[in-house]
Amino acid sequence: MSPPPETRPQKPACPICRKPATPQFRPFCSSRCANVDLQRWLSGNYVLPGDEVEDPGAGAEDES
């Protein structure tokens, strides 16, 4: 006897296209969606808003 539909675990959806994820490319459904996500990371699309932080070692080149 299988559990009722509302208690069955849902397959996770691909965050890019919302299709069911596959174990080989989890959490994505395919290598295409994985590459789309990687491109978004590399191009800076996934950025949290906030103030820029200065590098503490950037201005201390010659303090002697």
PDB file of N, CA and C in Angstrom:
ATOM      1  N   MET A   1       0.838  -1.176   0.000  1.00  0.00           N
ATOM      2  CA  MET A   1       0.000   0.000   0.000  1.00  0.00           C
ATOM      3  C   MET A   1       0.888   1.247   0.000  1.00  0.00           C
ATOM      4  N   SER A   2       0.683   2.118  -0.941  1.00  0.00           N
ATOM      5  CA  SER A   2       1.489   3.336  -1.026  1.00  0.00           C
ATOM      6  C   SER A   2       0.850   4.449  -0.193  1.00  0.00           C
ATOM      7  N   PRO A   3       1.677   5.379   0.296  1.00  0.00           N
ATOM      8  CA  PRO A   3       1.128   6.473   1.096  1.00  0.00           C
ATOM      9  C   PRO A   3       0.257   7.387   0.238  1.00  0.00           C
ATOM     10  N   PRO A   4      -0.628   8.129   0.878  1.00  0.00           N
ATOM     11  CA  PRO A   4      -1.464   9.069   0.124  1.00  0.00           C
ATOM     12  C   PRO A   4      -0.603  10.075  -0.637  1.00  0.00           C
ATOM     13  N   PRO A   5      -1.082  10.603  -1.763  1.00  0.00           N
ATOM     14  CA  PRO A   5      -0.284  11.509  -2.602  1.00  0.00           C
ATOM     15  C   PRO A   5       0.279  12.710  -1.860  1.00  0.00           C
ATOM     16  N   GLU A   6      -0.450  13.257  -0.894  1.00  0.00           N
ATOM     17  CA  GLU A   6       0.031  14.463  -0.222  1.00  0.00           C
ATOM     18  C   GLU A   6       1.193  14.194   0.729  1.00  0.00           C
ATOM     19  N   THR A   7       1.451  12.908   1.109  1.00  0.00           N
ATOM     20  CA  THR A   7       2.549  12.611   2.018  1.00  0.00           C
ATOM     21  C   THR A   7       3.762  12.019   1.312  1.00  0.00           C
ATOM     22  N   ARG A   8       3.650  11.741   0.022  1.00  0.00           N
ATOM     23  CA  ARG A   8       4.803  11.240  -0.725  1.00  0.00           C
ATOM     24  C   ARG A   8       5.836  12.341  -0.860  1.00  0.00           C
ATOM     25  N   PRO A   9       7.112  11.990  -0.720  1.00  0.00           N
ATOM     26  CA  PRO A   9       8.137  13.027  -0.895  1.00  0.00           C
ATOM     27  C   PRO A   9       8.161  13.520  -2.340  1.00  0.00           C
ATOM     28  N   GLN A  10       8.223  14.817  -2.502  1.00  0.00           N
ATOM     29  CA  GLN A  10       8.268  15.415  -3.828  1.00  0.00           C
ATOM     30  C   GLN A  10       9.700  15.404  -4.351  1.00  0.00           C
ATOM     31  N   LYS A  11       9.857  15.155  -5.648  1.00  0.00           N
ATOM     32  CA  LYS A  11      11.180  15.273  -6.251  1.00  0.00           C
ATOM     33  C   LYS A  11      11.537  16.748  -6.316  1.00  0.00           C
ATOM     34  N   PRO A  12      12.759  17.088  -5.982  1.00  0.00           N
ATOM     35  CA  PRO A  12      13.126  18.508  -6.053  1.00  0.00           C
ATOM     36  C   PRO A  12      13.088  19.008  -7.499  1.00  0.00           C
ATOM     37  N   ALA A  13      12.699  20.245  -7.649  1.00  0.00           N
ATOM     38  CA  ALA A  13      12.606  20.843  -8.983  1.00  0.00           C
ATOM     39  C   ALA A  13      13.914  21.553  -9.325  1.00  0.00           C
ATOM     40  N   CYS A  14      14.239  21.547 -10.591  1.00  0.00           N
ATOM     41  CA  CYS A  14      15.415  22.265 -11.090  1.00  0.00           C
ATOM     42  C   CYS A  14      15.205  23.758 -10.830  1.00  0.00           C
ATOM     43  N   PRO A  15      16.181  24.453 -10.233  1.00  0.00           N
ATOM     44  CA  PRO A  15      16.003  25.874  -9.955  1.00  0.00           C
ATOM     45  C   PRO A  15      15.970  26.752 -11.213  1.00  0.00           C
ATOM     46  N   ILE A  16      16.381  26.228 -12.339  1.00  0.00           N
ATOM     47  CA  ILE A  16      16.406  27.010 -13.577  1.00  0.00           C
ATOM     48  C   ILE A  16      15.098  26.852 -14.355  1.00  0.00           C
ATOM     49  N   CYS A  17      14.681  25.609 -14.623  1.00  0.00           N
ATOM     50  CA  CYS A  17      13.512  25.391 -15.487  1.00  0.00           C
ATOM     51  C   CYS A  17      12.334  24.738 -14.770  1.00  0.00           C
ATOM     52  N   ARG A  18      12.484  24.364 -13.516  1.00  0.00           N
ATOM     53  CA  ARG A  18      11.440  23.777 -12.676  1.00  0.00           C
ATOM     54  C   ARG A  18      11.054  22.347 -13.064  1.00  0.00           C
ATOM     55  N   LYS A  19      11.794  21.680 -13.947  1.00  0.00           N
ATOM     56  CA  LYS A  19      11.567  20.270 -14.240  1.00  0.00           C
ATOM     57  C   LYS A  19      12.124  19.447 -13.080  1.00  0.00           C
ATOM     58  N   PRO A  20      11.729  18.177 -12.956  1.00  0.00           N
ATOM     59  CA  PRO A  20      12.287  17.344 -11.883  1.00  0.00           C
ATOM     60  C   PRO A  20      13.805  17.191 -12.027  1.00  0.00           C
ATOM     61  N   ALA A  21      14.506  17.297 -10.910  1.00  0.00           N
ATOM     62  CA  ALA A  21      15.968  17.156 -10.925  1.00  0.00           C
ATOM     63  C   ALA A  21      16.349  15.698 -11.156  1.00  0.00           C
ATOM     64  N   THR A  22      17.520  15.479 -11.756  1.00  0.00           N
ATOM     65  CA  THR A  22      18.031  14.133 -11.960  1.00  0.00           C
ATOM     66  C   THR A  22      19.239  13.930 -11.051  1.00  0.00           C
ATOM     67  N   PRO A  23      19.454  12.714 -10.576  1.00  0.00           N
ATOM     68  CA  PRO A  23      20.581  12.474  -9.666  1.00  0.00           C
ATOM     69  C   PRO A  23      21.935  12.831 -10.272  1.00  0.00           C
ATOM     70  N   GLN A  24      22.097  12.637 -11.569  1.00  0.00           N
ATOM     71  CA  GLN A  24      23.377  12.909 -12.216  1.00  0.00           C
ATOM     72  C   GLN A  24      23.744  14.388 -12.178  1.00  0.00           C
ATOM     73  N   PHE A  25      22.774  15.285 -12.271  1.00  0.00           N
ATOM     74  CA  PHE A  25      23.042  16.721 -12.336  1.00  0.00           C
ATOM     75  C   PHE A  25      22.439  17.478 -11.156  1.00  0.00           C
ATOM     76  N   ARG A  26      22.080  16.773 -10.086  1.00  0.00           N
ATOM     77  CA  ARG A  26      21.394  17.381  -8.967  1.00  0.00           C
ATOM     78  C   ARG A  26      22.089  18.634  -8.476  1.00  0.00           C
ATOM     79  N   PRO A  27      21.412  19.713  -8.217  1.00  0.00           N
ATOM     80  CA  PRO A  27      19.974  19.911  -8.115  1.00  0.00           C
ATOM     81  C   PRO A  27      19.326  20.288  -9.437  1.00  0.00           C
ATOM     82  N   PHE A  28      20.044  20.164 -10.534  1.00  0.00           N
ATOM     83  CA  PHE A  28      19.531  20.545 -11.847  1.00  0.00           C
ATOM     84  C   PHE A  28      18.974  19.331 -12.573  1.00  0.00           C
ATOM     85  N   CYS A  29      18.295  19.585 -13.696  1.00  0.00           N
ATOM     86  CA  CYS A  29      17.726  18.484 -14.474  1.00  0.00           C
ATOM     87  C   CYS A  29      18.666  18.041 -15.597  1.00  0.00           C
ATOM     88  N   SER A  30      19.613  18.905 -15.978  1.00  0.00           N
ATOM     89  CA  SER A  30      20.501  18.582 -17.094  1.00  0.00           C
ATOM     90  C   SER A  30      21.779  19.411 -16.991  1.00  0.00           C
ATOM     91  N   SER A  31      22.744  19.073 -17.822  1.00  0.00           N
ATOM     92  CA  SER A  31      23.984  19.847 -17.833  1.00  0.00           C
ATOM     93  C   SER A  31      23.732  21.257 -18.379  1.00  0.00           C
ATOM     94  N   ARG A  32      22.730  21.401 -19.238  1.00  0.00           N
ATOM     95  CA  ARG A  32      22.401  22.728 -19.764  1.00  0.00           C
ATOM     96  C   ARG A  32      22.003  23.670 -18.632  1.00  0.00           C
ATOM     97  N   CYS A  33      21.103  23.223 -17.762  1.00  0.00           N
ATOM     98  CA  CYS A  33      20.668  24.070 -16.650  1.00  0.00           C
ATOM     99  C   CYS A  33      21.823  24.329 -15.673  1.00  0.00           C
ATOM    100  N   ALA A  34      22.684  23.343 -15.463  1.00  0.00           N
ATOM    101  CA  ALA A  34      23.843  23.544 -14.600  1.00  0.00           C
ATOM    102  C   ALA A  34      24.762  24.610 -15.190  1.00  0.00           C
ATOM    103  N   ASN A  35      24.946  24.601 -16.497  1.00  0.00           N
ATOM    104  CA  ASN A  35      25.788  25.598 -17.155  1.00  0.00           C
ATOM    105  C   ASN A  35      25.150  26.982 -17.143  1.00  0.00           C
ATOM    106  N   VAL A  36      23.833  27.056 -17.265  1.00  0.00           N
ATOM    107  CA  VAL A  36      23.136  28.340 -17.170  1.00  0.00           C
ATOM    108  C   VAL A  36      23.374  28.941 -15.791  1.00  0.00           C
ATOM    109  N   ASP A  37      23.262  28.126 -14.743  1.00  0.00           N
ATOM    110  CA  ASP A  37      23.486  28.597 -13.380  1.00  0.00           C
ATOM    111  C   ASP A  37      24.931  29.048 -13.184  1.00  0.00           C
ATOM    112  N   LEU A  38      25.889  28.275 -13.699  1.00  0.00           N
ATOM    113  CA  LEU A  38      27.299  28.655 -13.588  1.00  0.00           C
ATOM    114  C   LEU A  38      27.554  29.987 -14.281  1.00  0.00           C
ATOM    115  N   GLN A  39      26.978  30.191 -15.448  1.00  0.00           N
ATOM    116  CA  GLN A  39      27.152  31.455 -16.171  1.00  0.00           C
ATOM    117  C   GLN A  39      26.577  32.626 -15.369  1.00  0.00           C
ATOM    118  N   ARG A  40      25.461  32.398 -14.709  1.00  0.00           N
ATOM    119  CA  ARG A  40      24.870  33.456 -13.877  1.00  0.00           C
ATOM    120  C   ARG A  40      25.792  33.819 -12.723  1.00  0.00           C
ATOM    121  N   TRP A  41      26.441  32.814 -12.105  1.00  0.00           N
ATOM    122  CA  TRP A  41      27.392  33.092 -11.027  1.00  0.00           C
ATOM    123  C   TRP A  41      28.593  33.865 -11.571  1.00  0.00           C
ATOM    124  N   LEU A  42      29.140  33.415 -12.687  1.00  0.00           N
ATOM    125  CA  LEU A  42      30.347  34.040 -13.225  1.00  0.00           C
ATOM    126  C   LEU A  42      30.111  35.459 -13.738  1.00  0.00           C
ATOM    127  N   SER A  43      28.900  35.751 -14.200  1.00  0.00           N
ATOM    128  CA  SER A  43      28.613  37.087 -14.715  1.00  0.00           C
ATOM    129  C   SER A  43      28.171  38.052 -13.627  1.00  0.00           C
ATOM    130  N   GLY A  44      28.004  37.558 -12.391  1.00  0.00           N
ATOM    131  CA  GLY A  44      27.653  38.429 -11.280  1.00  0.00           C
ATOM    132  C   GLY A  44      26.167  38.659 -11.109  1.00  0.00           C
ATOM    133  N   ASN A  45      25.328  37.824 -11.693  1.00  0.00           N
ATOM    134  CA  ASN A  45      23.882  37.990 -11.541  1.00  0.00           C
ATOM    135  C   ASN A  45      23.405  37.651 -10.140  1.00  0.00           C
ATOM    136  N   TYR A  46      24.140  36.808  -9.418  1.00  0.00           N
ATOM    137  CA  TYR A  46      23.766  36.428  -8.058  1.00  0.00           C
ATOM    138  C   TYR A  46      24.568  37.292  -7.083  1.00  0.00           C
ATOM    139  N   VAL A  47      24.084  38.496  -6.824  1.00  0.00           N
ATOM    140  CA  VAL A  47      24.778  39.426  -5.936  1.00  0.00           C
ATOM    141  C   VAL A  47      23.795  39.913  -4.885  1.00  0.00           C
ATOM    142  N   LEU A  48      24.235  39.935  -3.651  1.00  0.00           N
ATOM    143  CA  LEU A  48      23.409  40.473  -2.580  1.00  0.00           C
ATOM    144  C   LEU A  48      23.644  41.973  -2.489  1.00  0.00           C
ATOM    145  N   PRO A  49      22.587  42.749  -2.351  1.00  0.00           N
ATOM    146  CA  PRO A  49      22.779  44.197  -2.238  1.00  0.00           C
ATOM    147  C   PRO A  49      23.450  44.542  -0.910  1.00  0.00           C
ATOM    148  N   GLY A  50      24.279  45.567  -0.954  1.00  0.00           N
ATOM    149  CA  GLY A  50      24.955  46.006   0.259  1.00  0.00           C
ATOM    150  C   GLY A  50      26.061  46.984  -0.078  1.00  0.00           C
ATOM    151  N   ASP A  51      26.678  47.520   0.956  1.00  0.00           N
ATOM    152  CA  ASP A  51      27.774  48.455   0.777  1.00  0.00           C
ATOM    153  C   ASP A  51      29.053  47.706   0.416  1.00  0.00           C
ATOM    154  N   GLU A  52      29.879  48.338  -0.409  1.00  0.00           N
ATOM    155  CA  GLU A  52      31.152  47.735  -0.750  1.00  0.00           C
ATOM    156  C   GLU A  52      32.082  47.810   0.451  1.00  0.00           C
ATOM    157  N   VAL A  53      32.891  46.781   0.622  1.00  0.00           N
ATOM    158  CA  VAL A  53      33.835  46.720   1.733  1.00  0.00           C
ATOM    159  C   VAL A  53      35.226  46.964   1.173  1.00  0.00           C
ATOM    160  N   GLU A  54      35.955  47.898   1.802  1.00  0.00           N
ATOM    161  CA  GLU A  54      37.318  48.173   1.356  1.00  0.00           C
ATOM    162  C   GLU A  54      38.253  47.081   1.829  1.00  0.00           C
ATOM    163  N   ASP A  55      39.242  46.772   1.019  1.00  0.00           N
ATOM    164  CA  ASP A  55      40.265  45.796   1.379  1.00  0.00           C
ATOM    165  C   ASP A  55      41.209  46.462   2.373  1.00  0.00           C
ATOM    166  N   PRO A  56      41.355  45.924   3.589  1.00  0.00           N
ATOM    167  CA  PRO A  56      42.185  46.584   4.600  1.00  0.00           C
ATOM    168  C   PRO A  56      43.658  46.671   4.210  1.00  0.00           C
ATOM    169  N   GLY A  57      44.137  45.824   3.355  1.00  0.00           N
ATOM    170  CA  GLY A  57      45.545  45.855   2.956  1.00  0.00           C
ATOM    171  C   GLY A  57      45.793  46.649   1.690  1.00  0.00           C
ATOM    172  N   ALA A  58      44.775  47.222   1.089  1.00  0.00           N
ATOM    173  CA  ALA A  58      44.938  47.918  -0.189  1.00  0.00           C
ATOM    174  C   ALA A  58      45.696  49.231  -0.044  1.00  0.00           C
ATOM    175  N   GLY A  59      45.520  49.973   1.033  1.00  0.00           N
ATOM    176  CA  GLY A  59      46.170  51.274   1.183  1.00  0.00           C
ATOM    177  C   GLY A  59      47.454  51.236   1.990  1.00  0.00           C
ATOM    178  N   ALA A  60      47.854  50.091   2.469  1.00  0.00           N
ATOM    179  CA  ALA A  60      49.030  49.999   3.341  1.00  0.00           C
ATOM    180  C   ALA A  60      50.221  49.420   2.591  1.00  0.00           C
ATOM    181  N   GLU A  61      50.584  50.046   1.478  1.00  0.00           N
ATOM    182  CA  GLU A  61      51.689  49.531   0.677  1.00  0.00           C
ATOM    183  C   GLU A  61      53.043  49.867   1.275  1.00  0.00           C
ATOM    184  N   ASP A  62      53.241  51.130   1.692  1.00  0.00           N
ATOM    185  CA  ASP A  62      54.555  51.547   2.211  1.00  0.00           C
ATOM    186  C   ASP A  62      54.341  52.438   3.430  1.00  0.00           C
ATOM    187  N   GLU A  63      54.252  51.821   4.610  1.00  0.00           N
ATOM    188  CA  GLU A  63      54.019  52.562   5.825  1.00  0.00           C
ATOM    189  C   GLU A  63      55.262  52.673   6.682  1.00  0.00           C
ATOM    190  N   SER A  64      56.450  52.317   6.195  1.00  0.00           N
ATOM    191  CA  SER A  64      57.654  52.359   7.021  1.00  0.00           C
ATOM    192  C   SER A  64      58.345  53.703   6.976  1.00  0.00           C
TER     193      SER A  64
END
